[in-house]
Each structure stands twice: as C-alpha cells, then as structure tokens.
N, C-alpha and C. Protein backbone atom coordinates (compact mmCIF):
# COMPACT_ATOMS: atom_id res chain seq x y z
N MET A 1 29.47 -22.35 -4.69
CA MET A 1 28.12 -22.65 -4.24
C MET A 1 27.89 -21.99 -2.87
N ARG A 2 26.78 -21.25 -2.75
CA ARG A 2 26.47 -20.59 -1.49
C ARG A 2 25.74 -21.54 -0.55
N ASN A 3 25.93 -21.31 0.73
CA ASN A 3 25.20 -22.14 1.69
C ASN A 3 23.82 -21.54 1.98
N LYS A 4 22.99 -22.30 2.68
CA LYS A 4 21.61 -21.86 2.98
C LYS A 4 21.60 -20.56 3.79
N GLY A 5 22.51 -20.43 4.73
CA GLY A 5 22.58 -19.21 5.55
C GLY A 5 22.82 -17.98 4.70
N GLN A 6 23.69 -18.09 3.73
CA GLN A 6 23.99 -16.97 2.84
C GLN A 6 22.78 -16.64 1.97
N GLU A 7 22.07 -17.68 1.50
CA GLU A 7 20.87 -17.46 0.67
C GLU A 7 19.81 -16.71 1.46
N LEU A 8 19.59 -17.12 2.71
CA LEU A 8 18.60 -16.44 3.55
C LEU A 8 19.01 -15.01 3.84
N LYS A 9 20.29 -14.79 4.03
CA LYS A 9 20.80 -13.46 4.33
C LYS A 9 20.57 -12.50 3.15
N ASN A 10 20.70 -13.01 1.94
CA ASN A 10 20.54 -12.18 0.75
C ASN A 10 19.09 -12.03 0.31
N LYS A 11 18.19 -12.79 0.91
CA LYS A 11 16.78 -12.75 0.54
C LYS A 11 16.12 -11.50 1.11
N LYS A 12 15.31 -10.83 0.31
CA LYS A 12 14.56 -9.67 0.79
C LYS A 12 13.43 -10.14 1.68
N PHE A 13 13.03 -9.27 2.61
CA PHE A 13 11.90 -9.60 3.47
C PHE A 13 10.66 -9.65 2.58
N PRO A 14 9.94 -10.77 2.56
CA PRO A 14 8.83 -10.95 1.63
C PRO A 14 7.68 -9.96 1.84
N VAL A 15 7.12 -9.49 0.75
CA VAL A 15 6.00 -8.56 0.78
C VAL A 15 4.83 -9.18 1.54
N SER A 16 4.59 -10.48 1.33
CA SER A 16 3.48 -11.13 2.02
C SER A 16 3.67 -11.09 3.55
N ALA A 17 4.91 -11.15 4.02
CA ALA A 17 5.17 -11.06 5.46
C ALA A 17 4.91 -9.65 5.97
N ILE A 18 5.28 -8.65 5.18
CA ILE A 18 5.02 -7.25 5.56
C ILE A 18 3.52 -7.02 5.63
N ILE A 19 2.79 -7.54 4.65
CA ILE A 19 1.33 -7.42 4.65
C ILE A 19 0.75 -8.08 5.89
N ALA A 20 1.19 -9.30 6.19
CA ALA A 20 0.66 -10.04 7.35
C ALA A 20 0.89 -9.26 8.65
N ILE A 21 2.08 -8.74 8.83
CA ILE A 21 2.40 -8.00 10.05
C ILE A 21 1.57 -6.73 10.15
N CYS A 22 1.51 -5.96 9.07
CA CYS A 22 0.76 -4.70 9.07
C CYS A 22 -0.73 -4.93 9.29
N VAL A 23 -1.29 -5.93 8.62
CA VAL A 23 -2.72 -6.23 8.77
C VAL A 23 -3.01 -6.72 10.18
N ALA A 24 -2.16 -7.57 10.73
CA ALA A 24 -2.37 -8.08 12.09
C ALA A 24 -2.33 -6.94 13.11
N VAL A 25 -1.32 -6.09 13.00
CA VAL A 25 -1.20 -4.96 13.93
C VAL A 25 -2.39 -4.01 13.76
N GLY A 26 -2.77 -3.75 12.51
CA GLY A 26 -3.92 -2.87 12.25
C GLY A 26 -5.22 -3.44 12.78
N ALA A 27 -5.48 -4.72 12.51
CA ALA A 27 -6.72 -5.35 12.98
C ALA A 27 -6.77 -5.38 14.50
N PHE A 28 -5.65 -5.74 15.12
CA PHE A 28 -5.59 -5.78 16.59
C PHE A 28 -5.81 -4.38 17.16
N GLY A 29 -5.09 -3.40 16.64
CA GLY A 29 -5.20 -2.04 17.15
C GLY A 29 -6.59 -1.46 16.98
N LEU A 30 -7.18 -1.65 15.81
CA LEU A 30 -8.51 -1.13 15.54
C LEU A 30 -9.56 -1.82 16.43
N ASP A 31 -9.38 -3.12 16.62
CA ASP A 31 -10.29 -3.86 17.50
C ASP A 31 -10.25 -3.32 18.93
N ILE A 32 -9.06 -3.17 19.47
CA ILE A 32 -8.91 -2.69 20.85
C ILE A 32 -9.41 -1.25 20.97
N LEU A 33 -9.11 -0.42 19.99
CA LEU A 33 -9.56 0.97 20.01
C LEU A 33 -11.09 1.06 20.00
N THR A 34 -11.73 0.33 19.09
CA THR A 34 -13.20 0.39 19.01
C THR A 34 -13.85 -0.17 20.27
N LYS A 35 -13.29 -1.21 20.84
CA LYS A 35 -13.84 -1.76 22.08
C LYS A 35 -13.73 -0.73 23.21
N TYR A 36 -12.59 -0.06 23.27
CA TYR A 36 -12.40 0.97 24.29
C TYR A 36 -13.41 2.11 24.12
N ILE A 37 -13.60 2.57 22.89
CA ILE A 37 -14.53 3.68 22.62
C ILE A 37 -15.95 3.29 23.01
N VAL A 38 -16.37 2.10 22.59
CA VAL A 38 -17.73 1.66 22.91
C VAL A 38 -17.89 1.48 24.41
N GLU A 39 -16.93 0.85 25.05
CA GLU A 39 -17.02 0.62 26.50
C GLU A 39 -17.05 1.94 27.27
N ALA A 40 -16.35 2.96 26.76
CA ALA A 40 -16.32 4.26 27.43
C ALA A 40 -17.62 5.04 27.22
N ASN A 41 -18.39 4.70 26.18
CA ASN A 41 -19.59 5.48 25.85
C ASN A 41 -20.92 4.78 26.03
N LEU A 42 -20.90 3.47 26.18
CA LEU A 42 -22.15 2.72 26.37
C LEU A 42 -22.05 1.84 27.61
N ALA A 43 -23.14 1.79 28.36
CA ALA A 43 -23.22 0.86 29.49
C ALA A 43 -23.57 -0.52 28.94
N VAL A 44 -23.29 -1.54 29.72
CA VAL A 44 -23.64 -2.90 29.31
C VAL A 44 -25.15 -2.96 29.04
N GLY A 45 -25.51 -3.48 27.88
CA GLY A 45 -26.91 -3.59 27.50
C GLY A 45 -27.46 -2.36 26.79
N GLN A 46 -26.72 -1.26 26.81
CA GLN A 46 -27.17 -0.03 26.15
C GLN A 46 -26.87 -0.12 24.66
N SER A 47 -27.78 0.45 23.87
CA SER A 47 -27.58 0.40 22.42
C SER A 47 -27.60 1.80 21.83
N ALA A 48 -27.06 1.90 20.65
CA ALA A 48 -27.06 3.14 19.88
C ALA A 48 -27.11 2.74 18.41
N SER A 49 -28.00 3.36 17.67
CA SER A 49 -28.14 3.05 16.26
C SER A 49 -27.09 3.81 15.46
N PHE A 50 -26.48 3.14 14.52
CA PHE A 50 -25.49 3.76 13.64
C PHE A 50 -26.16 4.07 12.30
N ILE A 51 -26.67 3.05 11.65
CA ILE A 51 -27.49 3.21 10.45
C ILE A 51 -28.83 2.56 10.81
N PRO A 52 -29.82 3.38 11.19
CA PRO A 52 -31.09 2.84 11.71
C PRO A 52 -31.69 1.75 10.81
N GLY A 53 -32.07 0.67 11.47
CA GLY A 53 -32.66 -0.47 10.78
C GLY A 53 -31.64 -1.38 10.12
N PHE A 54 -30.37 -0.99 10.14
CA PHE A 54 -29.35 -1.80 9.48
C PHE A 54 -28.27 -2.27 10.46
N ILE A 55 -27.56 -1.32 11.06
CA ILE A 55 -26.47 -1.68 11.97
C ILE A 55 -26.42 -0.68 13.12
N GLY A 56 -26.12 -1.22 14.29
CA GLY A 56 -26.01 -0.37 15.46
C GLY A 56 -25.00 -0.96 16.44
N PHE A 57 -24.96 -0.36 17.60
CA PHE A 57 -24.06 -0.83 18.65
C PHE A 57 -24.89 -1.27 19.84
N LEU A 58 -24.54 -2.41 20.39
CA LEU A 58 -25.17 -2.94 21.60
C LEU A 58 -24.05 -3.56 22.42
N PHE A 59 -23.68 -2.88 23.49
CA PHE A 59 -22.50 -3.30 24.24
C PHE A 59 -22.83 -4.42 25.21
N ASP A 60 -22.00 -5.47 25.16
CA ASP A 60 -22.15 -6.58 26.10
C ASP A 60 -20.83 -7.34 26.19
N TYR A 61 -20.75 -8.17 27.21
CA TYR A 61 -19.58 -9.04 27.38
C TYR A 61 -19.98 -10.47 27.01
N ASN A 62 -19.03 -11.22 26.49
CA ASN A 62 -19.26 -12.61 26.11
C ASN A 62 -18.11 -13.43 26.67
N ASP A 63 -18.44 -14.38 27.55
CA ASP A 63 -17.37 -15.21 28.12
C ASP A 63 -17.19 -16.52 27.35
N GLY A 64 -17.81 -16.60 26.18
CA GLY A 64 -17.64 -17.78 25.32
C GLY A 64 -17.02 -17.38 24.00
N ALA A 65 -17.18 -18.25 23.03
CA ALA A 65 -16.72 -17.97 21.67
C ALA A 65 -17.94 -17.48 20.88
N GLY A 66 -17.85 -17.53 19.54
CA GLY A 66 -18.97 -17.11 18.70
C GLY A 66 -20.25 -17.83 19.08
N PHE A 67 -21.36 -17.09 19.06
CA PHE A 67 -22.67 -17.62 19.44
C PHE A 67 -22.68 -18.12 20.89
N SER A 68 -21.74 -17.61 21.70
CA SER A 68 -21.60 -17.96 23.12
C SER A 68 -21.30 -19.43 23.37
N ILE A 69 -20.79 -20.13 22.35
CA ILE A 69 -20.41 -21.53 22.60
C ILE A 69 -19.20 -21.55 23.53
N LEU A 70 -19.08 -22.58 24.27
CA LEU A 70 -18.01 -22.76 25.27
C LEU A 70 -18.04 -21.66 26.33
N SER A 71 -19.23 -21.16 26.61
CA SER A 71 -19.37 -20.13 27.64
C SER A 71 -18.84 -20.65 28.97
N GLY A 72 -18.04 -19.81 29.63
CA GLY A 72 -17.46 -20.19 30.91
C GLY A 72 -16.19 -21.01 30.79
N LYS A 73 -15.72 -21.26 29.60
CA LYS A 73 -14.51 -22.06 29.37
C LYS A 73 -13.34 -21.15 28.97
N ARG A 74 -13.08 -20.15 29.79
CA ARG A 74 -12.07 -19.14 29.49
C ARG A 74 -10.69 -19.74 29.22
N ALA A 75 -10.23 -20.62 30.11
CA ALA A 75 -8.89 -21.21 29.96
C ALA A 75 -8.79 -21.99 28.65
N LEU A 76 -9.82 -22.75 28.32
CA LEU A 76 -9.82 -23.52 27.08
C LEU A 76 -9.77 -22.59 25.87
N LEU A 77 -10.53 -21.50 25.91
CA LEU A 77 -10.54 -20.55 24.79
C LEU A 77 -9.19 -19.83 24.66
N ILE A 78 -8.55 -19.54 25.77
CA ILE A 78 -7.22 -18.91 25.73
C ILE A 78 -6.21 -19.88 25.10
N ILE A 79 -6.24 -21.14 25.56
CA ILE A 79 -5.32 -22.14 25.01
C ILE A 79 -5.59 -22.35 23.52
N PHE A 80 -6.86 -22.45 23.15
CA PHE A 80 -7.23 -22.64 21.75
C PHE A 80 -6.72 -21.48 20.90
N SER A 81 -6.89 -20.26 21.38
CA SER A 81 -6.42 -19.07 20.64
C SER A 81 -4.91 -19.10 20.45
N ILE A 82 -4.20 -19.46 21.49
CA ILE A 82 -2.74 -19.53 21.40
C ILE A 82 -2.31 -20.61 20.41
N VAL A 83 -2.97 -21.76 20.46
CA VAL A 83 -2.65 -22.84 19.53
C VAL A 83 -2.90 -22.40 18.09
N ILE A 84 -4.03 -21.74 17.84
CA ILE A 84 -4.35 -21.25 16.49
C ILE A 84 -3.26 -20.28 16.02
N LEU A 85 -2.86 -19.34 16.90
CA LEU A 85 -1.80 -18.39 16.53
C LEU A 85 -0.50 -19.11 16.19
N VAL A 86 -0.11 -20.07 17.01
CA VAL A 86 1.13 -20.80 16.77
C VAL A 86 1.05 -21.57 15.46
N VAL A 87 -0.07 -22.22 15.19
CA VAL A 87 -0.22 -23.02 13.98
C VAL A 87 -0.16 -22.13 12.73
N ILE A 88 -0.91 -21.03 12.71
CA ILE A 88 -0.92 -20.20 11.49
C ILE A 88 0.42 -19.50 11.28
N ILE A 89 1.04 -19.06 12.36
CA ILE A 89 2.34 -18.40 12.22
C ILE A 89 3.40 -19.41 11.75
N THR A 90 3.37 -20.61 12.33
CA THR A 90 4.33 -21.65 11.92
C THR A 90 4.14 -22.01 10.45
N PHE A 91 2.88 -22.21 10.04
CA PHE A 91 2.59 -22.52 8.64
C PHE A 91 3.13 -21.42 7.74
N PHE A 92 2.86 -20.18 8.11
CA PHE A 92 3.26 -19.04 7.29
C PHE A 92 4.78 -18.91 7.21
N VAL A 93 5.46 -19.02 8.34
CA VAL A 93 6.93 -18.90 8.35
C VAL A 93 7.57 -20.04 7.55
N LEU A 94 7.08 -21.25 7.74
CA LEU A 94 7.62 -22.38 6.97
C LEU A 94 7.39 -22.18 5.47
N LYS A 95 6.23 -21.68 5.12
CA LYS A 95 5.93 -21.40 3.71
C LYS A 95 6.90 -20.35 3.16
N LEU A 96 7.15 -19.30 3.95
CA LEU A 96 8.06 -18.25 3.52
C LEU A 96 9.49 -18.76 3.35
N VAL A 97 9.92 -19.58 4.30
CA VAL A 97 11.31 -20.05 4.31
C VAL A 97 11.55 -21.14 3.26
N LYS A 98 10.60 -22.06 3.12
CA LYS A 98 10.83 -23.22 2.26
C LYS A 98 10.43 -23.02 0.80
N SER A 99 9.57 -22.06 0.52
CA SER A 99 9.09 -21.91 -0.85
C SER A 99 10.13 -21.24 -1.74
N PRO A 100 10.39 -21.84 -2.90
CA PRO A 100 11.36 -21.22 -3.82
C PRO A 100 10.73 -20.07 -4.63
N ILE A 101 9.45 -19.85 -4.44
CA ILE A 101 8.75 -18.77 -5.16
C ILE A 101 8.20 -17.78 -4.14
N LYS A 102 7.80 -16.61 -4.64
CA LYS A 102 7.18 -15.62 -3.77
C LYS A 102 5.87 -16.18 -3.23
N VAL A 103 5.64 -15.97 -1.94
CA VAL A 103 4.40 -16.42 -1.32
C VAL A 103 3.32 -15.39 -1.60
N SER A 104 2.15 -15.86 -1.93
CA SER A 104 1.03 -15.01 -2.31
C SER A 104 0.71 -13.95 -1.25
N LYS A 105 0.42 -12.75 -1.73
CA LYS A 105 -0.02 -11.68 -0.84
C LYS A 105 -1.35 -12.04 -0.20
N THR A 106 -2.13 -12.85 -0.89
CA THR A 106 -3.42 -13.30 -0.35
C THR A 106 -3.20 -14.04 0.97
N LEU A 107 -2.18 -14.88 1.02
CA LEU A 107 -1.89 -15.59 2.26
C LEU A 107 -1.48 -14.60 3.36
N GLY A 108 -0.72 -13.58 2.98
CA GLY A 108 -0.35 -12.54 3.95
C GLY A 108 -1.58 -11.87 4.55
N TRP A 109 -2.55 -11.52 3.70
CA TRP A 109 -3.79 -10.91 4.18
C TRP A 109 -4.54 -11.87 5.12
N ALA A 110 -4.65 -13.14 4.72
CA ALA A 110 -5.37 -14.12 5.54
C ALA A 110 -4.71 -14.28 6.91
N ILE A 111 -3.40 -14.46 6.92
CA ILE A 111 -2.67 -14.65 8.18
C ILE A 111 -2.78 -13.40 9.05
N GLY A 112 -2.66 -12.23 8.44
CA GLY A 112 -2.77 -10.98 9.19
C GLY A 112 -4.14 -10.80 9.82
N LEU A 113 -5.20 -11.06 9.06
CA LEU A 113 -6.56 -10.90 9.59
C LEU A 113 -6.84 -11.92 10.70
N ILE A 114 -6.46 -13.16 10.46
CA ILE A 114 -6.69 -14.19 11.49
C ILE A 114 -5.87 -13.89 12.74
N GLY A 115 -4.60 -13.55 12.53
CA GLY A 115 -3.73 -13.25 13.67
C GLY A 115 -4.20 -12.04 14.46
N GLY A 116 -4.53 -10.96 13.77
CA GLY A 116 -5.00 -9.75 14.45
C GLY A 116 -6.31 -9.97 15.19
N GLY A 117 -7.25 -10.67 14.54
CA GLY A 117 -8.52 -10.96 15.19
C GLY A 117 -8.36 -11.86 16.40
N CYS A 118 -7.54 -12.87 16.24
CA CYS A 118 -7.27 -13.80 17.34
C CYS A 118 -6.62 -13.07 18.52
N LEU A 119 -5.67 -12.19 18.22
CA LEU A 119 -5.01 -11.41 19.28
C LEU A 119 -5.98 -10.46 19.99
N GLY A 120 -6.90 -9.86 19.23
CA GLY A 120 -7.86 -8.94 19.83
C GLY A 120 -8.73 -9.62 20.87
N ASN A 121 -9.28 -10.78 20.51
CA ASN A 121 -10.13 -11.50 21.46
C ASN A 121 -9.30 -12.17 22.57
N LEU A 122 -8.09 -12.60 22.24
CA LEU A 122 -7.21 -13.18 23.25
C LEU A 122 -6.85 -12.13 24.31
N TYR A 123 -6.56 -10.93 23.86
CA TYR A 123 -6.28 -9.83 24.79
C TYR A 123 -7.44 -9.65 25.77
N ASP A 124 -8.66 -9.58 25.23
CA ASP A 124 -9.83 -9.41 26.09
C ASP A 124 -9.97 -10.56 27.09
N ARG A 125 -9.78 -11.78 26.62
CA ARG A 125 -9.94 -12.94 27.51
C ARG A 125 -8.90 -12.94 28.63
N ILE A 126 -7.67 -12.54 28.31
CA ILE A 126 -6.61 -12.55 29.32
C ILE A 126 -6.74 -11.34 30.26
N VAL A 127 -6.92 -10.14 29.71
CA VAL A 127 -6.90 -8.92 30.50
C VAL A 127 -8.24 -8.64 31.19
N ILE A 128 -9.35 -8.84 30.48
CA ILE A 128 -10.67 -8.49 31.00
C ILE A 128 -11.41 -9.71 31.54
N GLY A 129 -11.09 -10.88 31.01
CA GLY A 129 -11.75 -12.09 31.47
C GLY A 129 -12.88 -12.54 30.55
N GLN A 130 -13.26 -11.68 29.63
CA GLN A 130 -14.29 -11.99 28.64
C GLN A 130 -14.15 -11.03 27.47
N VAL A 131 -14.83 -11.34 26.39
CA VAL A 131 -14.70 -10.55 25.17
C VAL A 131 -15.78 -9.46 25.14
N ARG A 132 -15.36 -8.27 24.68
CA ARG A 132 -16.31 -7.16 24.54
C ARG A 132 -16.89 -7.19 23.13
N ASP A 133 -18.21 -7.31 23.06
CA ASP A 133 -18.92 -7.32 21.77
C ASP A 133 -19.79 -6.09 21.68
N PHE A 134 -20.01 -5.60 20.45
CA PHE A 134 -20.81 -4.38 20.32
C PHE A 134 -21.48 -4.17 18.97
N ILE A 135 -21.10 -4.89 17.94
CA ILE A 135 -21.71 -4.66 16.63
C ILE A 135 -23.01 -5.46 16.55
N ASN A 136 -24.09 -4.74 16.25
CA ASN A 136 -25.41 -5.34 16.23
C ASN A 136 -26.03 -5.15 14.84
N LEU A 137 -26.30 -6.25 14.16
CA LEU A 137 -26.97 -6.20 12.87
C LEU A 137 -28.47 -6.09 13.14
N GLU A 138 -29.02 -4.90 12.98
CA GLU A 138 -30.42 -4.64 13.33
C GLU A 138 -31.40 -5.24 12.32
N PHE A 139 -30.95 -5.51 11.10
CA PHE A 139 -31.85 -6.00 10.06
C PHE A 139 -32.10 -7.51 10.15
N MET A 140 -31.40 -8.18 11.05
CA MET A 140 -31.58 -9.62 11.22
C MET A 140 -31.26 -10.03 12.65
N ARG A 141 -31.75 -11.16 13.03
CA ARG A 141 -31.45 -11.68 14.36
C ARG A 141 -30.11 -12.41 14.28
N PHE A 142 -29.09 -11.81 14.87
CA PHE A 142 -27.74 -12.34 14.80
C PHE A 142 -27.01 -11.92 16.06
N PRO A 143 -26.16 -12.79 16.62
CA PRO A 143 -25.41 -12.41 17.82
C PRO A 143 -24.55 -11.16 17.59
N ILE A 144 -24.39 -10.36 18.64
CA ILE A 144 -23.50 -9.21 18.52
C ILE A 144 -22.06 -9.71 18.45
N PHE A 145 -21.20 -8.90 17.85
CA PHE A 145 -19.83 -9.31 17.64
C PHE A 145 -18.93 -8.08 17.67
N ASN A 146 -17.66 -8.24 17.36
CA ASN A 146 -16.70 -7.13 17.39
C ASN A 146 -15.82 -7.17 16.14
N LEU A 147 -14.89 -6.23 16.05
CA LEU A 147 -14.02 -6.19 14.87
C LEU A 147 -13.06 -7.37 14.81
N ALA A 148 -12.66 -7.90 15.97
CA ALA A 148 -11.80 -9.08 15.97
C ALA A 148 -12.53 -10.26 15.33
N ASP A 149 -13.80 -10.43 15.67
CA ASP A 149 -14.60 -11.50 15.07
C ASP A 149 -14.71 -11.30 13.56
N THR A 150 -14.90 -10.05 13.15
CA THR A 150 -15.00 -9.73 11.73
C THR A 150 -13.68 -10.06 11.02
N ALA A 151 -12.56 -9.67 11.61
CA ALA A 151 -11.25 -9.96 11.02
C ALA A 151 -11.03 -11.46 10.92
N LEU A 152 -11.38 -12.19 11.97
CA LEU A 152 -11.23 -13.65 11.95
C LEU A 152 -12.07 -14.28 10.84
N THR A 153 -13.30 -13.85 10.73
CA THR A 153 -14.20 -14.41 9.73
C THR A 153 -13.71 -14.13 8.31
N ILE A 154 -13.37 -12.87 8.05
CA ILE A 154 -12.86 -12.51 6.72
C ILE A 154 -11.54 -13.23 6.45
N GLY A 155 -10.67 -13.29 7.47
CA GLY A 155 -9.39 -13.98 7.32
C GLY A 155 -9.57 -15.46 6.98
N MET A 156 -10.53 -16.11 7.60
CA MET A 156 -10.79 -17.53 7.31
C MET A 156 -11.32 -17.71 5.89
N ILE A 157 -12.16 -16.78 5.45
CA ILE A 157 -12.67 -16.85 4.07
C ILE A 157 -11.51 -16.67 3.08
N VAL A 158 -10.65 -15.69 3.34
CA VAL A 158 -9.50 -15.45 2.46
C VAL A 158 -8.55 -16.65 2.48
N LEU A 159 -8.33 -17.24 3.66
CA LEU A 159 -7.47 -18.42 3.77
C LEU A 159 -8.08 -19.59 2.97
N PHE A 160 -9.38 -19.76 3.06
CA PHE A 160 -10.06 -20.81 2.31
C PHE A 160 -9.86 -20.60 0.81
N VAL A 161 -10.05 -19.38 0.35
CA VAL A 161 -9.84 -19.06 -1.07
C VAL A 161 -8.39 -19.36 -1.46
N TYR A 162 -7.44 -18.96 -0.61
CA TYR A 162 -6.03 -19.23 -0.88
C TYR A 162 -5.77 -20.73 -0.99
N LEU A 163 -6.26 -21.50 -0.01
CA LEU A 163 -5.98 -22.94 0.01
C LEU A 163 -6.62 -23.68 -1.16
N ILE A 164 -7.78 -23.21 -1.61
CA ILE A 164 -8.47 -23.89 -2.70
C ILE A 164 -7.94 -23.49 -4.08
N PHE A 165 -7.69 -22.20 -4.26
CA PHE A 165 -7.37 -21.71 -5.60
C PHE A 165 -5.89 -21.35 -5.84
N ILE A 166 -5.20 -20.82 -4.84
CA ILE A 166 -3.85 -20.30 -5.05
C ILE A 166 -2.77 -21.29 -4.61
N TYR A 167 -2.95 -21.90 -3.45
CA TYR A 167 -1.97 -22.83 -2.89
C TYR A 167 -1.60 -23.95 -3.86
N PRO A 168 -2.59 -24.61 -4.50
CA PRO A 168 -2.21 -25.68 -5.44
C PRO A 168 -1.33 -25.19 -6.59
N LYS A 169 -1.60 -23.98 -7.08
CA LYS A 169 -0.78 -23.42 -8.16
C LYS A 169 0.63 -23.11 -7.66
N GLU A 170 0.72 -22.55 -6.45
CA GLU A 170 2.04 -22.26 -5.87
C GLU A 170 2.84 -23.54 -5.68
N GLU A 171 2.20 -24.56 -5.17
CA GLU A 171 2.90 -25.83 -4.92
C GLU A 171 3.36 -26.46 -6.24
N LYS A 172 2.54 -26.37 -7.27
CA LYS A 172 2.91 -26.92 -8.58
C LYS A 172 4.12 -26.18 -9.14
N LYS A 173 4.10 -24.85 -9.05
CA LYS A 173 5.21 -24.04 -9.54
C LYS A 173 6.49 -24.31 -8.74
N ALA A 174 6.36 -24.42 -7.42
CA ALA A 174 7.51 -24.70 -6.55
C ALA A 174 8.10 -26.07 -6.87
N LYS A 175 7.23 -27.04 -7.13
CA LYS A 175 7.69 -28.39 -7.47
C LYS A 175 8.45 -28.38 -8.79
N GLU A 176 7.96 -27.63 -9.76
CA GLU A 176 8.63 -27.54 -11.06
C GLU A 176 10.02 -26.91 -10.90
N ILE A 177 10.11 -25.88 -10.08
CA ILE A 177 11.40 -25.21 -9.85
C ILE A 177 12.37 -26.18 -9.18
N LYS A 178 11.91 -26.92 -8.18
CA LYS A 178 12.77 -27.88 -7.49
C LYS A 178 13.23 -28.98 -8.43
N GLU A 179 12.32 -29.46 -9.29
CA GLU A 179 12.69 -30.51 -10.25
C GLU A 179 13.71 -29.99 -11.26
N ASN A 180 13.55 -28.75 -11.69
CA ASN A 180 14.51 -28.16 -12.63
C ASN A 180 15.88 -28.02 -12.01
N LYS A 181 15.93 -27.66 -10.72
CA LYS A 181 17.22 -27.54 -10.02
C LYS A 181 17.89 -28.90 -9.88
N GLU A 182 17.07 -29.93 -9.63
CA GLU A 182 17.62 -31.29 -9.46
C GLU A 182 18.15 -31.83 -10.78
N ASP A 183 17.52 -31.44 -11.89
CA ASP A 183 17.95 -31.90 -13.21
C ASP A 183 19.30 -31.31 -13.62
N LYS A 184 19.65 -30.17 -13.06
CA LYS A 184 20.88 -29.48 -13.44
C LYS A 184 22.08 -30.01 -12.73
C-alpha cells in the first residue's frame, strides 16, 4: 500500500491547474499592458473611438470598486482583493488535492480569470493608488472599465456555471469513487 506522499508524487500536474495559471498570467499581463498603452496615449478624460457608436476608450482613474462604490476606501479594497485571491486559490488547491477525479477545466478557467482580474486591479491599487479604467461602451450609459474588470466578470459567470452545473456532478462522482474504495 502506498502512502499519500507517494500518491501525490506520482500524480501528474492537473490540466485545470495549468489552465488556471496560464489564464491568470495572461489576463493580468494583458490588463497591465492595455492600461499602460492607454495611459501613454490618452490624457485623463480624453477619449478615442474604436468602433464608433459602439465601443471606445475614455481614460480615467477610479479609486473605488465597480460603479465607484467604496470610493476612497483603498485599504479596504486591497484587503478585500487579497482575501478573494486567498479564498479562490485555497478552494482550487483543496479541490485539486482532495478530489479523486480530474477537476473540471471550467473551474481552471474561472479561477484563472478571477485571479488574473483581481491581480490586475490589485496591482493598480497598490502601485498607482487607484485603478485605471478606459473601456467605454458608447451605445449605452455604463461606467468605464478595464480588462481586469472584464476578466473578473466573465470569471464569476464561469464560476457560477461551474458551481451550479458541474460541481454537483463532480461531487457525486467523487463520492461514488470514495464509497467504492471503502467497500473494498
């Protein structure tokens, strides 16, 4: 009988973990790159149309969260971001370590998008003191945002889909495997 340490040593690095890491690094990098490009080319309050009447760029700083809520609460937003990162990473790692089945790639995408988006805005809050926003939906009245916000939003939607539709199936399958092992 092998011990747990040996089992972990022989386990391949999960595809969902590779996806999460790559997506997080990509989302973070793309967010920081686009913010740098916009900041280098537009003054605060200056706009540029990308697809006229649909989407454009309007550069501004936001010292709050989405829709400027918690404006001026930088320390609270930094702490909240760190807590969110710790919670999602802990959930993901525990899922990877404890699950007897492969963890869904969908969860990897969700964790990567949320992590990368959270890191992008966290970087701005720590280094710059506020978040750089620039994406302007010209066809509707909506607050400007950035790629980190987009990654966070899409990541939360994907996580919701995972938790509602995939997680229960994974847990049922994992429970069946554990029960079968106990019966033997």
